[in-house]
Protein backbone atom coordinates (compact mmCIF):
# COMPACT_ATOMS: atom_id res chain seq x y z
CA MET A 1 -0.48 -63.49 25.08
CA ASN A 2 -0.65 -65.79 22.05
CA PRO A 3 2.88 -65.91 20.47
CA LEU A 4 1.37 -65.61 17.00
CA MET A 5 -0.64 -62.52 18.00
CA ASN A 6 2.43 -61.07 19.70
CA LYS A 7 4.47 -61.53 16.52
CA CYS A 8 1.75 -59.89 14.37
CA PHE A 9 1.48 -56.98 16.78
CA TRP A 10 5.17 -56.11 16.63
CA ARG A 11 5.19 -56.53 12.87
CA LEU A 12 2.35 -54.00 12.66
CA VAL A 13 4.24 -51.61 14.93
CA LEU A 14 7.32 -51.96 12.73
CA VAL A 15 5.34 -51.27 9.55
CA VAL A 16 3.55 -48.22 10.99
CA GLY A 17 6.76 -46.86 12.49
CA THR A 18 8.58 -47.22 9.20
CA ALA A 19 5.76 -45.45 7.36
CA VAL A 20 5.84 -42.57 9.82
CA MET A 21 9.62 -42.32 9.54
CA LEU A 22 9.48 -42.23 5.76
CA ALA A 23 6.71 -39.65 5.77
CA GLY A 24 8.77 -37.47 8.06
CA CYS A 25 11.99 -37.76 6.12
CA GLY A 26 10.63 -37.67 2.58
CA ASN A 27 11.92 -39.63 -0.39
CA LYS A 28 15.56 -39.90 -1.32
CA GLU A 29 15.44 -37.30 -4.11
CA THR A 30 13.76 -34.71 -1.89
CA LYS A 31 16.20 -35.31 0.95
CA GLU A 32 19.19 -34.96 -1.34
CA ALA A 33 17.85 -31.78 -2.94
CA LEU A 34 17.10 -30.21 0.45
CA LYS A 35 20.53 -31.17 1.78
CA LYS A 36 22.31 -29.71 -1.25
CA SER A 37 20.18 -26.57 -1.18
CA ASP A 38 20.83 -26.09 2.55
CA SER A 39 24.57 -26.39 1.98
CA LEU A 40 24.49 -23.75 -0.75
CA GLY A 41 22.26 -21.54 1.39
CA GLU A 42 24.77 -21.68 4.25
CA GLN A 43 27.35 -20.38 1.78
CA LYS A 44 24.88 -17.60 0.84
CA GLU A 45 24.66 -18.97 -2.70
CA TYR A 46 20.94 -18.37 -2.67
CA PRO A 47 20.21 -18.41 -6.44
CA ASP A 48 22.12 -21.67 -6.84
CA ALA A 49 20.34 -23.14 -3.83
CA ASN A 50 17.01 -22.21 -5.35
CA ASN A 51 17.97 -23.71 -8.71
CA VAL A 52 18.54 -27.05 -6.99
CA LEU A 53 15.00 -26.91 -5.59
CA VAL A 54 13.52 -25.84 -8.91
CA ASP A 55 15.11 -28.82 -10.62
CA ALA A 56 13.86 -31.15 -7.90
CA LEU A 57 10.35 -29.72 -8.14
CA ARG A 58 10.32 -30.16 -11.90
CA ALA A 59 11.53 -33.76 -11.63
CA ARG A 60 8.97 -34.57 -8.91
CA GLU A 61 6.09 -33.12 -10.90
CA ASP A 62 7.20 -34.97 -14.04
CA LYS A 63 7.26 -38.24 -12.09
CA ILE A 64 3.75 -37.69 -10.68
CA ARG A 65 2.38 -36.93 -14.12
CA ALA A 66 4.18 -39.90 -15.69
CA ASP A 67 2.80 -42.24 -13.02
CA VAL A 68 -0.76 -41.05 -13.67
CA GLY A 69 -0.45 -40.94 -17.46
CA THR A 70 -2.04 -38.61 -19.95
CA SER A 71 -5.77 -38.06 -20.25
CA THR A 72 -7.98 -35.86 -22.37
CA ASP A 73 -10.65 -35.73 -19.67
CA PRO A 74 -10.76 -32.18 -18.16
CA GLY A 75 -11.79 -33.62 -14.81
CA ALA A 76 -8.79 -35.93 -14.75
CA ALA A 77 -6.47 -33.05 -15.64
CA ASP A 78 -7.88 -30.97 -12.79
CA ALA A 79 -7.48 -33.86 -10.37
CA LEU A 80 -3.89 -34.30 -11.49
CA THR A 81 -3.14 -30.62 -10.88
CA LYS A 82 -4.57 -30.90 -7.38
CA LYS A 83 -2.53 -34.03 -6.77
CA VAL A 84 0.65 -32.20 -7.77
CA GLU A 85 -0.18 -29.20 -5.57
CA ALA A 86 -0.90 -31.37 -2.53
CA ASP A 87 2.06 -33.70 -2.94
CA PRO A 88 4.01 -33.74 0.37
CA GLU A 89 7.40 -33.76 -1.37
CA ILE A 90 6.52 -30.75 -3.52
CA LEU A 91 5.25 -28.90 -0.46
CA LYS A 92 8.56 -29.57 1.37
CA LEU A 93 10.57 -28.26 -1.55
CA GLU A 94 8.37 -25.17 -1.92
CA ARG A 95 8.61 -24.46 1.80
CA ALA A 96 12.41 -24.46 1.48
CA GLN A 97 12.20 -22.02 -1.45
CA ILE A 98 10.51 -19.24 0.52
CA PRO A 99 13.43 -18.19 2.75
CA LEU A 100 15.77 -18.38 -0.24
CA TYR A 101 13.63 -15.90 -2.16
CA LEU A 102 13.49 -13.69 0.93
CA HIS A 103 17.27 -13.67 1.18
CA MET A 104 17.27 -12.57 -2.47
CA GLU A 105 14.80 -9.78 -1.53
CA ARG A 106 12.14 -11.26 -3.79
CA ALA A 107 9.14 -11.32 -1.51
CA ASP A 108 6.97 -11.14 -4.63
CA LEU A 109 8.22 -14.52 -5.85
CA ALA A 110 8.04 -15.97 -2.35
CA SER A 111 4.42 -14.81 -2.22
CA VAL A 112 3.66 -16.72 -5.44
CA ILE A 113 5.21 -19.88 -3.98
CA TYR A 114 3.22 -19.48 -0.78
CA ALA A 115 0.00 -19.11 -2.75
CA ASP A 116 0.82 -22.38 -4.54
CA MET A 117 1.41 -24.05 -1.19
CA LEU A 118 -1.91 -22.86 0.19
CA ARG A 119 -3.73 -24.41 -2.75
CA GLY A 120 -2.16 -27.73 -1.87
CA ASN A 121 -2.41 -27.30 1.90
CA PRO A 122 -4.76 -24.45 2.95
CA GLY A 123 -3.59 -24.69 6.55
CA ASP A 124 0.11 -24.26 5.82
CA THR A 125 1.80 -21.91 8.29
CA ALA A 126 5.20 -21.59 6.60
CA VAL A 127 5.15 -17.80 6.41
CA TYR A 128 3.78 -17.37 9.92
CA ASP A 129 6.54 -19.64 11.20
CA LEU A 130 9.13 -17.39 9.54
CA LEU A 131 7.89 -14.45 11.63
CA ARG A 132 9.77 -16.11 14.49
CA ASP A 133 13.00 -16.54 12.54
CA LYS A 134 16.12 -15.14 14.22
CA ASP A 135 17.13 -13.34 11.01
CA PRO A 136 15.35 -9.96 10.69
CA VAL A 137 15.71 -10.15 6.89
CA ILE A 138 13.55 -13.29 6.90
CA ARG A 139 11.03 -11.77 9.32
CA THR A 140 10.79 -8.66 7.17
CA GLY A 141 10.23 -10.74 4.05
CA ALA A 142 7.58 -12.85 5.76
CA VAL A 143 5.71 -9.69 6.71
CA ARG A 144 5.85 -8.49 3.10
CA ILE A 145 4.41 -11.79 1.88
CA LEU A 146 1.46 -11.39 4.23
CA GLY A 147 0.99 -7.84 3.03
CA LEU A 148 1.00 -8.92 -0.60
CA ALA A 149 -1.58 -11.61 0.18
CA GLY A 150 -3.80 -9.02 1.84
CA HIS A 151 -5.71 -11.57 3.92
CA ALA A 152 -7.57 -10.20 6.93
CA ASP A 153 -6.66 -13.30 8.96
CA ALA A 154 -3.05 -12.05 8.98
CA ILE A 155 -3.87 -8.93 11.01
CA ASP A 156 -2.98 -10.37 14.42
CA ALA A 157 0.38 -11.60 13.14
CA LEU A 158 1.12 -8.24 11.51
CA ILE A 159 0.14 -6.34 14.65
CA GLY A 160 2.64 -8.46 16.53
CA ALA A 161 5.29 -7.77 13.89
CA SER A 162 4.67 -4.02 14.22
CA LYS A 163 6.19 -4.33 17.72
CA ASP A 164 9.24 -6.28 16.53
CA PRO A 165 12.60 -5.14 18.01
CA ASN A 166 13.94 -4.67 14.48
CA GLN A 167 12.95 -1.36 12.88
CA GLU A 168 12.76 -2.74 9.33
CA VAL A 169 10.38 -5.49 10.42
CA ARG A 170 8.18 -2.88 12.09
CA ARG A 171 8.21 -0.67 9.01
CA ALA A 172 7.24 -3.57 6.76
CA ALA A 173 4.47 -4.62 9.15
CA LEU A 174 2.93 -1.14 9.19
CA ALA A 175 3.00 -0.99 5.39
CA ALA A 176 1.42 -4.46 5.21
CA LEU A 177 -1.36 -3.43 7.59
CA GLY A 178 -2.21 -0.62 5.20
CA ALA A 179 -2.79 -3.16 2.43
CA ILE A 180 -5.45 -4.92 4.51
CA LYS A 181 -8.63 -2.86 4.62
CA ASP A 182 -9.87 -3.72 8.08
CA PRO A 183 -10.86 -1.44 11.01
CA ARG A 184 -8.72 -3.56 13.35
CA ALA A 185 -5.61 -2.26 11.61
CA VAL A 186 -6.27 1.38 12.56
CA PRO A 187 -5.21 1.38 16.26
CA PRO A 188 -1.80 -0.26 15.64
CA LEU A 189 -1.22 2.11 12.73
CA ILE A 190 -1.99 5.08 14.96
CA ASP A 191 0.51 3.67 17.46
CA GLY A 192 2.97 3.40 14.56
CA LEU A 193 2.90 7.18 14.17
CA LYS A 194 4.95 7.29 17.40
CA ASP A 195 7.51 4.66 16.39
CA SER A 196 11.14 5.58 17.09
CA TYR A 197 12.03 4.94 13.43
CA TRP A 198 11.09 7.78 11.09
CA PHE A 199 10.52 5.43 8.16
CA ALA A 200 8.06 3.36 10.20
CA ARG A 201 6.17 6.53 11.17
CA SER A 202 5.98 7.55 7.53
CA GLU A 203 4.67 4.10 6.53
CA ALA A 204 2.05 4.32 9.28
CA ALA A 205 0.81 7.65 7.91
CA ASN A 206 0.65 6.28 4.37
CA ALA A 207 -1.20 3.20 5.58
CA LEU A 208 -3.76 5.27 7.49
CA ALA A 209 -4.62 7.06 4.27
CA GLN A 210 -5.52 3.70 2.74
CA GLN A 211 -7.74 2.78 5.69
CA ARG A 212 -9.92 5.91 5.27
CA ASP A 213 -10.98 5.91 8.91
CA ALA A 214 -12.03 9.06 10.81
CA ARG A 215 -10.17 7.91 13.92
CA SER A 216 -6.87 8.67 12.22
CA VAL A 217 -7.51 12.38 11.56
CA LYS A 218 -6.41 13.77 14.94
CA PRO A 219 -3.28 11.60 15.21
CA LEU A 220 -2.33 12.52 11.64
CA LEU A 221 -2.71 16.21 12.46
CA ASP A 222 -0.25 15.70 15.30
CA ALA A 223 2.09 13.86 12.93
CA VAL A 224 2.15 16.81 10.53
CA ALA A 225 4.35 18.52 13.12
CA ASP A 226 6.75 15.54 13.27
CA PRO A 227 10.41 16.64 13.46
CA ASP A 228 11.15 14.53 10.39
CA SER A 229 9.98 16.30 7.22
CA THR A 230 9.21 13.05 5.39
CA VAL A 231 6.85 11.94 8.15
CA GLY A 232 5.18 15.35 8.19
CA THR A 233 4.67 15.25 4.44
CA SER A 234 3.25 11.73 4.59
CA ALA A 235 0.80 12.78 7.30
CA GLN A 236 -0.20 15.86 5.32
CA ASN A 237 -0.81 13.84 2.16
CA ALA A 238 -2.81 11.29 4.14
CA LEU A 239 -5.07 14.04 5.52
CA LEU A 240 -5.64 15.51 2.07
CA PHE A 241 -6.57 12.05 0.81
CA LEU A 242 -9.03 11.57 3.68
CA CYS A 243 -10.75 14.83 2.70
CA GLN A 244 -11.16 13.94 -0.94
CA SER A 245 -14.43 13.04 -2.56
CA PRO A 246 -16.15 10.72 -2.89
CA GLY A 247 -16.78 9.92 0.70
CA PRO A 248 -14.47 12.20 2.72
CA VAL A 249 -14.09 10.83 6.24
CA ALA A 250 -12.53 13.78 8.09
CA ALA A 251 -14.81 15.63 10.50
CA PRO A 252 -14.65 19.42 9.89
CA ASP A 253 -14.65 20.22 13.62
CA ASP A 254 -11.52 18.11 14.14
CA LEU A 255 -9.79 20.28 11.56
CA ALA A 256 -11.22 23.62 12.65
CA THR A 257 -9.87 23.20 16.18
CA ARG A 258 -6.32 23.27 14.73
CA LEU A 259 -6.67 26.62 12.93
CA GLY A 260 -5.16 28.37 15.93
CA TYR A 261 -2.39 25.82 16.41
CA PRO A 262 1.13 27.18 16.94
CA ASN A 263 2.63 25.04 14.17
CA PRO A 264 1.97 26.73 10.77
CA LYS A 265 2.13 23.39 8.89
CA VAL A 266 -0.74 22.04 10.97
CA VAL A 267 -2.73 25.23 10.43
CA LEU A 268 -2.15 25.08 6.68
CA VAL A 269 -3.20 21.46 6.17
CA SER A 270 -6.22 22.00 8.43
CA ALA A 271 -7.31 25.02 6.42
CA VAL A 272 -6.76 23.32 3.06
CA CYS A 273 -8.69 20.26 4.22
CA LEU A 274 -11.55 22.47 5.37
CA ALA A 275 -11.51 24.14 1.96
CA MET A 276 -11.81 20.73 0.28
CA LEU A 277 -14.79 20.03 2.55
CA LYS A 278 -16.31 23.39 1.50
CA ASP A 279 -16.31 24.60 5.10
CA PRO A 280 -16.41 28.45 5.28
CA ARG A 281 -14.06 28.48 8.27
CA ALA A 282 -11.24 27.78 5.82
CA VAL A 283 -11.41 31.17 4.08
CA PRO A 284 -10.10 33.56 6.80
CA ALA A 285 -7.35 31.10 7.73
CA LEU A 286 -6.20 30.76 4.12
CA LEU A 287 -6.29 34.52 3.59
CA ALA A 288 -4.04 34.96 6.61
CA LEU A 289 -1.63 32.31 5.30
CA LEU A 290 -1.24 34.25 2.06
CA HIS A 291 0.95 36.65 4.03
CA SER A 292 3.36 33.90 5.08
CA PRO A 293 7.05 34.50 4.28
CA ASP A 294 7.22 30.92 2.94
CA PRO A 295 6.44 30.69 -0.82
CA GLY A 296 5.21 27.10 -0.50
CA THR A 297 2.74 28.09 2.20
CA ARG A 298 1.42 30.99 0.12
CA LEU A 299 0.95 28.75 -2.92
CA SER A 300 -0.87 26.06 -0.91
CA ALA A 301 -3.11 28.69 0.64
CA LEU A 302 -3.98 30.05 -2.80
CA LYS A 303 -4.79 26.56 -4.06
CA GLY A 304 -7.01 26.07 -1.03
CA LEU A 305 -8.94 29.28 -1.73
CA GLY A 306 -9.82 27.93 -5.15
CA GLU A 307 -11.12 24.76 -3.50
CA THR A 308 -13.47 26.53 -1.09
CA GLY A 309 -16.28 27.27 -3.54
CA ASP A 310 -16.69 30.51 -1.57
CA PRO A 311 -17.17 33.70 -3.65
CA SER A 312 -15.42 35.74 -0.92
CA ALA A 313 -12.14 34.31 -2.23
CA ILE A 314 -12.63 35.92 -5.67
CA PRO A 315 -11.05 39.35 -4.97
CA ILE A 316 -7.72 37.91 -3.82
CA LEU A 317 -7.69 35.43 -6.72
CA ARG A 318 -8.19 38.31 -9.17
CA LYS A 319 -5.41 40.26 -7.51
CA THR A 320 -2.90 37.42 -7.82
CA LEU A 321 -3.51 37.11 -11.58
CA LYS A 322 -0.60 39.55 -11.85
CA ASP A 323 1.65 37.90 -9.27
CA PRO A 324 5.29 37.63 -10.42
CA ASP A 325 5.32 33.93 -9.46
CA VAL A 326 4.05 31.88 -12.41
CA ASN A 327 2.66 29.19 -10.09
CA MET A 328 0.66 31.76 -8.14
CA ARG A 329 -0.78 33.11 -11.39
CA GLY A 330 -1.62 29.64 -12.60
CA TRP A 331 -3.48 28.63 -9.46
CA SER A 332 -5.32 31.97 -9.39
CA ILE A 333 -6.58 31.21 -12.90
CA ILE A 334 -7.62 27.71 -11.90
CA GLY A 335 -9.40 28.99 -8.80
CA LEU A 336 -11.34 31.64 -10.71
CA GLY A 337 -12.37 29.01 -13.21
CA GLU A 338 -13.57 26.70 -10.44
CA LEU A 339 -15.56 29.57 -8.90
CA LYS A 340 -16.98 30.48 -12.36
CA ASP A 341 -16.17 34.14 -11.86
CA GLN A 342 -17.80 36.02 -14.74
CA GLY A 343 -16.07 39.22 -13.68
CA SER A 344 -12.62 37.83 -14.48
CA LEU A 345 -13.41 36.82 -18.08
CA ASP A 346 -11.84 39.93 -19.66
CA ASP A 347 -8.61 39.46 -17.69
CA LEU A 348 -8.51 35.76 -18.53
CA ARG A 349 -9.02 36.44 -22.23
CA ALA A 350 -6.22 39.01 -22.14
CA ILE A 351 -3.91 36.45 -20.55
CA SER A 352 -4.88 33.86 -23.17
CA ALA A 353 -4.02 36.29 -25.97
CA ASP A 354 -0.76 37.53 -24.38
CA GLY A 355 2.16 36.10 -26.33
CA THR A 356 4.56 36.81 -23.48
CA GLN A 357 2.78 34.43 -21.14
CA PRO A 358 4.05 30.84 -20.73
CA GLU A 359 2.06 28.25 -22.66
CA SER A 360 0.99 26.58 -19.42
CA ILE A 361 -0.58 29.85 -18.21
CA LYS A 362 -2.33 30.45 -21.52
CA ALA A 363 -3.69 26.88 -21.49
CA ALA A 364 -4.95 27.35 -17.93
CA ALA A 365 -6.66 30.60 -18.94
CA ASP A 366 -8.35 28.89 -21.89
CA ALA A 367 -9.59 26.10 -19.65
CA ALA A 368 -10.93 28.58 -17.08
CA ILE A 369 -12.70 30.60 -19.78
CA ASN A 370 -14.37 27.47 -21.12
CA HIS A 371 -15.42 26.51 -17.60
CA ILE A 372 -16.90 29.93 -16.86
CA ALA A 373 -18.52 30.51 -20.26
CA PRO A 374 -18.71 27.23 -22.19
CA PRO A 375 -18.85 27.73 -25.95
CA ALA A 376 -22.28 27.36 -27.44
CA SER A 377 -23.00 23.98 -28.96
CA PRO A 378 -23.35 24.07 -32.75
CA PRO A 379 -26.95 23.80 -33.97
CA ALA A 380 -28.02 20.29 -34.79
CA GLY A 381 -28.12 19.52 -38.49
CA PRO A 382 -31.29 18.52 -40.32
CA GLN A 383 -32.46 15.04 -39.49
CA ARG A 384 -32.89 12.53 -42.25
């Protein structure tokens, strides 16, 4: 080989190698800031560690802007902003900020930083990398960031996190899946209803309500009978939400098959949901539940009767206008108003005029009267 060519070749290798080394290590200011921040982070001085990075970020951005100079051209200003966002040193500093914010339980701020990073480097995987961190606090925070972002491309990562050995990571993953409206999230959320951690099961029920998918109705009905009352309540509320208009997703037959279920909570929510769907099979079940020894069950059953739109519920609603429980009286009034029962107008007017009745009951009676017999509109005045 020609000695001159050989010398040029090794010089080129040296130049390229040095450039790669510098790119990997970053400039002196960035290295010093990261080193100082890491030291403070190891001492769990997370706010101070973050302040070091904030100062370094500010100084780096000021330097970039000073090097470019000022310009009144909007295009130049936009280009400068993009240059700042994509600067490798700024991206390194921002990447180091994310776990600090997660240690401070500020996933919201970490999410803002990550959004900034993605503008500069759309393929950045910083948060996904943190899902493999040994610290469950960091994994939990990373999951929350993905949930706040709400991107459908995070579903596979969140499904994996819903199987994490740490219960808080699983809980956060199930909640995050609820924030992403995608049919692929439904099966892992249904699996989450059987998680060993009650809080994770509750989050799964809440998340299924947000998905509004008919596949979740049967599993949620099972979850109503969960031994943990919080989980049962979450499942019940999810079912009621799935039966609401517009666009209820629950199939009436799925609910009707549970009317003979041995668990009274399952029977109650099934009957109330059927009432919301205006299914006549709700009425006999709700009438039977009015004889329950539990006051809460009786009240929910009475509310459900008012939802049915079925005139066969009117006699019992009239009867409970005189119930000693003020809540029972109130919901009887509301139900009769919803059913537009003309035959109850005299009783409702008497309640409205009764000074011994609570103001809330009198107001409910007035509203029901106006719903049943709206006041006549005043005649239109002469036109000019």
